[in-house]
């Protein structure tokens, strides 16, 4: 079976950055492996800027909103993932001491 990949996609590239910005800049069917460890719900703020609290993943007010945003992001990740691609998600259990 011939390998199906997007000939315009960069080869052997690691992208670091805001997941939304990176994935939206990529053509469809161009990524063979995605490894991500997204922020856990309610555990970390990546910016001191209060205006970013509505856009940072993990800072939603309700867990259902967190999951909803994950689904939207993963729809985009699926778009760029090749047919033979894999996605590794590191999303473990965690707790807060209060």
Protein backbone atom coordinates (compact mmCIF):
# COMPACT_ATOMS: atom_id res chain seq x y z
CA UNK A 1 0.00 0.00 0.00
CA UNK A 2 1.40 3.39 -0.95
CA UNK A 3 1.91 5.89 1.83
CA UNK A 4 -0.70 8.64 1.76
CA UNK A 5 0.64 11.91 3.03
CA UNK A 6 0.37 15.55 2.20
CA UNK A 7 3.36 16.43 -0.01
CA UNK A 8 3.31 20.07 1.16
CA UNK A 9 3.73 19.17 4.84
CA UNK A 10 7.12 19.72 6.49
CA UNK A 11 9.09 16.57 7.28
CA UNK A 12 10.57 15.78 10.71
CA UNK A 13 9.23 18.88 12.42
CA UNK A 14 8.33 19.47 16.05
CA UNK A 15 5.84 22.25 16.67
CA UNK A 16 5.71 24.00 20.03
CA UNK A 17 3.20 26.67 20.88
CA UNK A 18 -0.44 27.40 21.39
CA UNK A 19 -2.24 24.28 20.18
CA UNK A 20 -5.04 26.21 18.47
CA UNK A 21 -2.66 28.47 16.55
CA UNK A 22 -0.40 25.60 15.51
CA UNK A 23 -3.11 23.17 14.38
CA UNK A 24 -4.99 25.83 12.41
CA UNK A 25 -1.82 26.67 10.49
CA UNK A 26 -1.37 23.09 9.25
CA UNK A 27 -2.80 21.47 6.15
CA UNK A 28 -5.04 18.42 6.49
CA UNK A 29 -3.55 14.91 6.67
CA UNK A 30 0.03 16.03 7.30
CA UNK A 31 0.96 14.87 10.82
CA UNK A 32 1.99 11.31 11.64
CA UNK A 33 2.31 11.65 15.42
CA UNK A 34 0.82 14.04 17.97
CA UNK A 35 2.00 14.03 21.59
CA UNK A 36 0.21 16.38 23.94
CA UNK A 37 -0.10 16.95 27.66
CA UNK A 38 -2.76 19.63 27.95
CA UNK A 39 -3.40 21.59 31.15
CA UNK A 40 -5.53 19.85 33.73
CA UNK A 41 -8.84 21.48 34.60
CA UNK A 42 -8.44 24.20 37.22
CA UNK A 43 -4.79 23.53 38.08
CA UNK A 44 -2.56 26.01 36.31
CA UNK A 45 -2.53 29.51 34.90
CA UNK A 46 -0.02 30.08 32.14
CA UNK A 47 -0.42 33.84 32.16
CA UNK A 48 -0.97 36.54 34.75
CA UNK A 49 -3.12 38.41 32.24
CA UNK A 50 -6.75 38.14 33.48
CA UNK A 51 -8.06 38.70 29.95
CA UNK A 52 -6.62 35.30 28.98
CA UNK A 53 -8.62 33.39 31.58
CA UNK A 54 -11.39 32.80 29.02
CA UNK A 55 -9.07 31.38 26.35
CA UNK A 56 -6.57 29.25 28.28
CA UNK A 57 -7.48 25.58 28.29
CA UNK A 58 -8.00 24.39 31.86
CA UNK A 59 -9.30 27.71 33.21
CA UNK A 60 -12.95 27.15 32.33
CA UNK A 61 -15.53 27.59 35.08
CA UNK A 62 -17.11 24.15 34.64
CA UNK A 63 -15.64 20.73 33.76
CA UNK A 64 -18.22 20.34 30.97
CA UNK A 65 -16.84 23.48 29.30
CA UNK A 66 -13.32 22.04 29.59
CA UNK A 67 -14.41 18.81 27.88
CA UNK A 68 -16.35 20.73 25.20
CA UNK A 69 -13.23 22.73 24.31
CA UNK A 70 -11.17 19.53 24.24
CA UNK A 71 -13.59 18.02 21.74
CA UNK A 72 -13.30 21.07 19.47
CA UNK A 73 -9.51 20.97 19.63
CA UNK A 74 -9.38 17.23 18.97
CA UNK A 75 -11.59 17.62 15.91
CA UNK A 76 -8.88 19.89 14.50
CA UNK A 77 -6.13 17.50 15.57
CA UNK A 78 -7.94 14.68 13.76
CA UNK A 79 -8.11 16.83 10.63
CA UNK A 80 -4.31 17.16 10.47
CA UNK A 81 -3.55 13.59 11.54
CA UNK A 82 -2.63 11.25 8.70
CA UNK A 83 -4.56 8.03 8.15
CA UNK A 84 -1.59 6.08 9.56
CA UNK A 85 -1.04 8.61 12.37
CA UNK A 86 -1.18 8.22 16.13
CA UNK A 87 -2.09 10.58 18.95
CA UNK A 88 -0.65 10.27 22.46
CA UNK A 89 -2.58 12.09 25.20
CA UNK A 90 -1.10 12.50 28.67
CA UNK A 91 -4.08 13.35 30.85
CA UNK A 92 -3.68 11.74 34.26
CA UNK A 93 -5.51 11.84 37.53
CA UNK A 94 -4.72 14.74 39.80
CA UNK A 95 -6.08 16.31 42.93
CA UNK A 96 -5.82 19.57 44.81
CA UNK A 97 -4.95 19.92 48.46
CA UNK A 98 -7.33 22.37 50.04
